[in-house]
Protein backbone atom coordinates (compact mmCIF):
# COMPACT_ATOMS: atom_id res chain seq x y z
CA MET A 1 -28.41 124.48 145.26
CA ASN A 2 -29.27 126.78 148.22
CA TYR A 3 -25.78 127.44 148.33
CA PHE A 4 -25.76 128.57 144.51
CA ILE A 5 -28.72 130.62 144.81
CA ALA A 6 -27.46 132.48 147.83
CA TYR A 7 -24.33 133.57 145.48
CA ILE A 8 -26.10 134.30 142.52
CA VAL A 9 -28.45 136.48 144.60
CA LEU A 10 -25.42 138.38 146.79
CA GLY A 11 -23.97 138.82 143.18
CA ALA A 12 -27.19 140.37 142.07
CA VAL A 13 -27.58 142.38 144.93
CA CYS A 14 -23.67 144.07 144.62
CA THR A 15 -24.04 144.30 141.08
CA SER A 16 -27.25 146.76 141.71
CA VAL A 17 -25.31 148.62 144.45
CA ILE A 18 -22.16 149.08 141.38
CA ILE A 19 -24.61 150.10 139.03
CA ILE A 20 -26.76 152.25 141.66
CA TYR A 21 -23.54 154.51 143.04
CA GLN A 22 -22.01 155.02 139.52
CA TYR A 23 -25.20 156.39 138.07
CA VAL A 24 -25.90 158.70 141.35
CA SER A 25 -22.06 159.80 142.19
CA LYS A 26 -21.45 160.07 138.26
CA LYS A 27 -24.97 160.32 136.19
CA HIS A 28 -23.42 158.91 133.28
CA PHE A 29 -21.61 155.16 132.72
CA LYS A 30 -18.82 156.29 130.76
CA ASP A 31 -19.34 154.82 126.88
CA LEU A 32 -20.63 152.20 127.74
CA SER A 33 -23.61 150.98 125.60
CA LYS A 34 -26.74 149.98 127.37
CA GLU A 35 -25.97 146.08 125.62
CA ASP A 36 -22.26 146.71 127.17
CA LEU A 37 -23.46 147.22 130.28
CA ILE A 38 -25.70 144.34 130.94
CA GLN A 39 -23.56 142.10 129.61
CA ARG A 40 -20.60 143.38 132.11
CA ALA A 41 -23.43 143.12 134.88
CA ILE A 42 -24.48 139.04 133.83
CA ALA A 43 -20.36 138.91 134.23
CA TRP A 44 -20.60 140.91 137.99
CA ILE A 45 -23.49 138.47 139.35
CA PHE A 46 -21.09 135.69 139.04
CA LEU A 47 -17.85 137.33 139.63
CA TRP A 48 -18.75 139.44 142.39
CA PRO A 49 -16.46 138.01 145.28
CA ILE A 50 -13.19 139.06 142.93
CA ILE A 51 -14.78 142.73 141.80
CA ILE A 52 -15.14 143.14 146.03
CA ILE A 53 -11.75 141.46 147.08
CA TYR A 54 -9.61 142.87 144.00
CA THR A 55 -10.77 145.29 141.46
CA LEU A 56 -12.59 147.75 143.86
CA PRO A 57 -9.40 148.14 146.35
CA GLN A 58 -6.76 147.40 143.55
CA SER A 59 -8.24 149.89 140.65
CA GLY A 60 -11.52 151.43 141.82
CA LEU A 61 -15.13 151.88 140.87
CA ASN A 62 -14.28 153.56 137.76
CA THR A 63 -12.50 150.10 135.66
CA LEU A 64 -15.43 148.21 136.24
CA PHE A 65 -16.62 151.55 133.67
CA GLU A 66 -14.28 152.03 131.49
CA LYS A 67 -14.16 150.23 127.71
CA HIS A 68 -11.62 147.98 127.21
CA GLU A 69 -11.08 145.81 123.72
CA ALA A 70 -11.74 142.28 125.73
CA PHE A 71 -15.55 143.37 126.10
CA ASP A 72 -15.98 144.52 122.75
CA PHE A 73 -17.25 141.49 121.56
CA LYS A 74 -18.77 143.25 118.05
CA GLY A 75 -15.98 145.28 117.21
CA ALA A 76 -13.37 142.11 117.67
CA ILE A 77 -15.81 140.66 114.67
CA ASP A 78 -16.20 143.58 112.58
CA ARG A 79 -12.69 143.50 113.02
CA ARG A 80 -12.29 139.71 112.05
CA HIS A 81 -14.77 140.26 109.22
CA ASN A 82 -12.65 143.58 107.64
CA GLU A 83 -9.41 141.72 107.85
CA LEU A 84 -10.71 138.45 105.84
CA LEU A 85 -12.64 141.11 103.49
CA ALA A 86 -9.12 143.00 103.15
CA LEU A 87 -7.51 139.65 101.57
CA TRP A 88 -10.47 138.87 99.65
CA GLU A 89 -10.76 141.89 97.58
CA SER A 90 -6.53 142.36 97.52
CA PRO A 91 -4.95 139.03 97.91
CA PRO A 92 -1.07 139.53 98.57
CA GLU A 93 1.77 138.27 96.69
CA CYS A 94 2.29 134.18 96.34
CA SER A 95 4.52 132.55 94.72
CA ASN A 96 4.67 128.99 93.68
CA ILE A 97 6.31 127.89 97.26
CA VAL A 98 4.26 128.25 100.16
CA GLU A 99 6.08 128.03 103.35
CA THR A 100 3.98 128.41 107.30
CA ASN A 101 5.03 127.31 110.60
CA GLY A 102 3.60 124.31 112.97
CA TYR A 103 0.31 124.87 115.06
CA ASP A 104 -1.57 123.10 117.22
CA GLU A 105 -4.81 123.48 117.41
CA SER A 106 -5.59 121.72 120.60
CA THR A 107 -3.58 124.05 122.76
CA TYR A 108 -3.48 126.98 120.15
CA GLU A 109 0.18 126.99 120.28
CA SER A 110 2.73 127.24 117.71
CA LEU A 111 5.04 124.49 117.64
CA ASN A 112 8.72 124.39 116.08
CA ALA A 113 8.21 123.09 112.88
CA LYS A 114 8.40 124.73 108.98
CA PHE A 115 5.99 123.10 106.00
CA VAL A 116 6.70 124.18 103.04
CA PHE A 117 3.96 123.36 99.92
CA ASN A 118 4.01 123.45 96.09
CA ALA A 119 1.04 125.99 95.75
CA HIS A 120 -0.13 123.62 92.82
CA ASP A 121 -0.09 121.25 95.46
CA ILE A 122 -2.73 123.54 97.68
CA GLU A 123 -4.42 124.20 94.60
CA ALA A 124 -5.88 121.21 93.66
CA HIS A 125 -6.56 119.85 97.28
CA LEU A 126 -8.69 123.18 98.01
CA ASN A 127 -10.51 122.39 94.93
CA GLU A 128 -11.35 119.34 95.75
CA LEU A 129 -13.19 120.35 98.58
CA GLY A 130 -14.66 122.34 96.23
CA PRO A 131 -15.36 126.11 98.42
CA LYS A 132 -17.84 128.35 97.04
CA SER A 133 -16.31 131.20 94.87
CA GLU A 134 -17.52 133.74 97.37
CA PHE A 135 -16.82 136.12 100.50
CA SER A 136 -17.51 134.40 103.71
CA VAL A 137 -15.71 134.65 107.23
CA LEU A 138 -16.65 131.34 107.55
CA ASN A 139 -15.08 130.17 104.46
CA GLN A 140 -11.85 131.10 104.58
CA ASP A 141 -11.12 127.91 101.99
CA ALA A 142 -12.20 130.06 99.16
CA ILE A 143 -9.98 132.86 100.24
CA ILE A 144 -6.61 130.83 100.34
CA LEU A 145 -7.74 129.53 97.08
CA LYS A 146 -8.29 132.83 95.57
CA TRP A 147 -4.56 133.50 97.18
CA ILE A 148 -2.77 130.75 95.46
CA ASN A 149 -4.82 130.89 92.53
CA GLN A 150 -3.60 134.57 91.59
CA ARG A 151 0.44 133.46 92.03
CA ASN A 152 3.09 134.50 90.25
CA ALA A 153 3.71 131.61 88.49
CA ASP A 154 6.80 132.89 87.24
CA ASP A 155 8.03 133.08 91.00
CA ASN A 156 9.92 130.20 92.80
CA ARG A 157 10.63 132.15 96.04
CA VAL A 158 9.27 130.82 98.99
CA CYS A 159 6.45 132.89 100.34
CA THR A 160 4.60 133.53 103.95
CA VAL A 161 0.72 132.16 104.28
CA PRO A 162 -0.90 135.66 105.66
CA GLU A 163 -1.59 135.29 109.71
CA GLU A 164 -4.99 136.53 109.51
CA LEU A 165 -5.58 132.79 107.39
CA ASP A 166 -5.65 130.47 110.85
CA ARG A 167 -7.30 128.17 108.66
CA PHE A 168 -4.60 127.15 107.00
CA ASN A 169 -3.20 125.50 110.01
CA SER A 170 -5.75 122.31 108.93
CA THR A 171 -5.06 122.89 105.31
CA ALA A 172 -1.51 122.11 106.04
CA ASN A 173 -1.94 118.79 108.21
CA SER A 174 -4.40 117.63 105.29
CA LEU A 175 -2.04 118.24 102.80
CA LEU A 176 1.12 116.58 105.07
CA ILE A 177 -1.41 113.44 105.98
CA LYS A 178 -1.79 113.16 102.36
CA GLY A 179 2.09 112.75 101.97
CA LEU A 180 2.13 116.43 100.06
CA GLY A 181 5.14 118.84 101.36
CA LYS A 182 8.69 118.56 103.00
CA VAL A 183 8.35 119.92 107.15
CA HIS A 184 11.61 120.88 108.64
CA CYS A 185 12.06 119.77 112.52
CA ASP A 186 13.63 122.33 114.42
CA ASP A 187 13.66 120.46 118.04
CA CYS A 188 15.89 117.27 115.73
CA GLN A 189 17.10 120.07 113.18
CA THR A 190 16.06 117.67 110.64
CA GLU A 191 14.05 117.75 107.10
CA TYR A 192 11.80 115.15 106.55
CA THR A 193 9.09 114.48 103.73
CA ALA A 194 5.53 114.43 104.39
CA ASN A 195 5.96 110.37 103.33
CA GLN A 196 8.25 110.01 106.70
CA LEU A 197 5.98 111.76 109.61
CA ASN A 198 3.64 109.10 111.49
CA CYS A 199 0.10 110.65 111.18
CA ILE A 200 -2.18 110.00 114.28
CA SER A 201 -5.92 110.30 114.64
CA ASP A 202 -7.34 110.34 118.23
CA LYS A 203 -9.59 107.45 119.36
CA LEU A 204 -13.34 108.90 118.68
CA SER A 205 -14.42 110.08 122.22
CA ALA A 206 -16.74 112.91 123.07
CA GLY A 207 -15.73 116.72 121.95
CA TRP A 208 -13.28 117.15 119.54
CA ASN A 209 -10.83 114.45 118.11
CA PHE A 210 -7.34 115.75 116.83
CA LYS A 211 -4.93 114.50 113.86
CA ARG A 212 -1.44 114.67 115.14
CA ILE A 213 1.41 114.55 113.02
CA LYS A 214 4.99 113.70 114.62
CA CYS A 215 8.42 113.42 112.94
CA CYS A 216 10.45 109.95 113.01
CA ASN A 217 11.69 110.98 116.39
CA GLY A 218 8.25 112.12 118.39
CA HIS A 219 8.13 115.41 117.87
CA ILE A 220 4.75 117.23 117.60
CA LEU A 221 4.76 118.75 113.95
CA SER A 222 0.79 119.82 113.28
CA VAL A 223 -2.32 118.95 115.30
CA ALA A 224 -5.56 119.89 113.76
CA LYS A 225 -8.86 119.54 114.56
CA GLY A 226 -10.69 116.46 112.70
CA ILE A 227 -14.57 115.39 114.13
CA HIS A 228 -16.43 116.83 116.88
CA LEU A 229 -19.02 114.08 118.91
CA ASN A 230 -22.10 115.48 120.76
CA CYS A 231 -22.83 112.62 123.58
CA ARG A 232 -25.87 112.40 125.15
CA SER A 233 -27.01 110.62 128.44
CA ASN A 234 -29.66 109.11 129.16
C-alpha cells in the first residue's frame, strides 16, 4: 500500500509540474476545456512513467495538451447520437432480403460468415420484443424495426444492414437460434440453414455469458452477449 501511495504522490507531483510549466511558458492550454484538462490530469497521475520515459522525449510537452478525438468523450457520444437519429428520421432503403456479416461480441471482431434473413422474420421477432416506438440511442431495436417496416415489399434484392446498427449482431444471433435464416460459412465454403447449426450457451459464470453459434465443422459464425451476472464475495 505504501508503494502505491508513493506512486500516486509522484504522479500528482509530475502532473502538477507539467501543468504549471505549460501555463507559465505558454499562458494557455491550447483548446482544452477545464473538464478536458481535469480528465487528462487524472490519467497522467496514473501514467506518469510512460509520459516521462516516452511521451516527453519522443513527442514533447505540447503533445499532452493537443486535442485528440480519443479524449473527446462527449464528442463521441454526440456523434453516435446524431448517427442513430439520422437513421431514425430517414431510414435507408430496405428490401425483403437482409444480409449481414458474422460478428463476435466477446472479442469485437468480424467473423468469416454471412447471414441472410427474410425481412418478415426480422419484423416478427422484433415485434415480440415490443420495443417502444420512440427514438433512443439505447433502443436500437426500435430503429431496426422502423427500418424493416419501411421496406419495399416488391424488392427481392439483397440489402445490407447499416453498419451503425451494431445491435443487429445480437438480433441475427437470436434469429439463428430460432432456426430462421441461412448462413454461408466462408471457412468451409458451405451454405447452411439455421436448423443445421450448433447453438451453445456458456455455463453461467460471473460477467458476460455468451451465446455461440458454430457450423457443422466447428467454425464460429456468431457470438452474442447473453446474461450478465454480478457475483459478490462476502
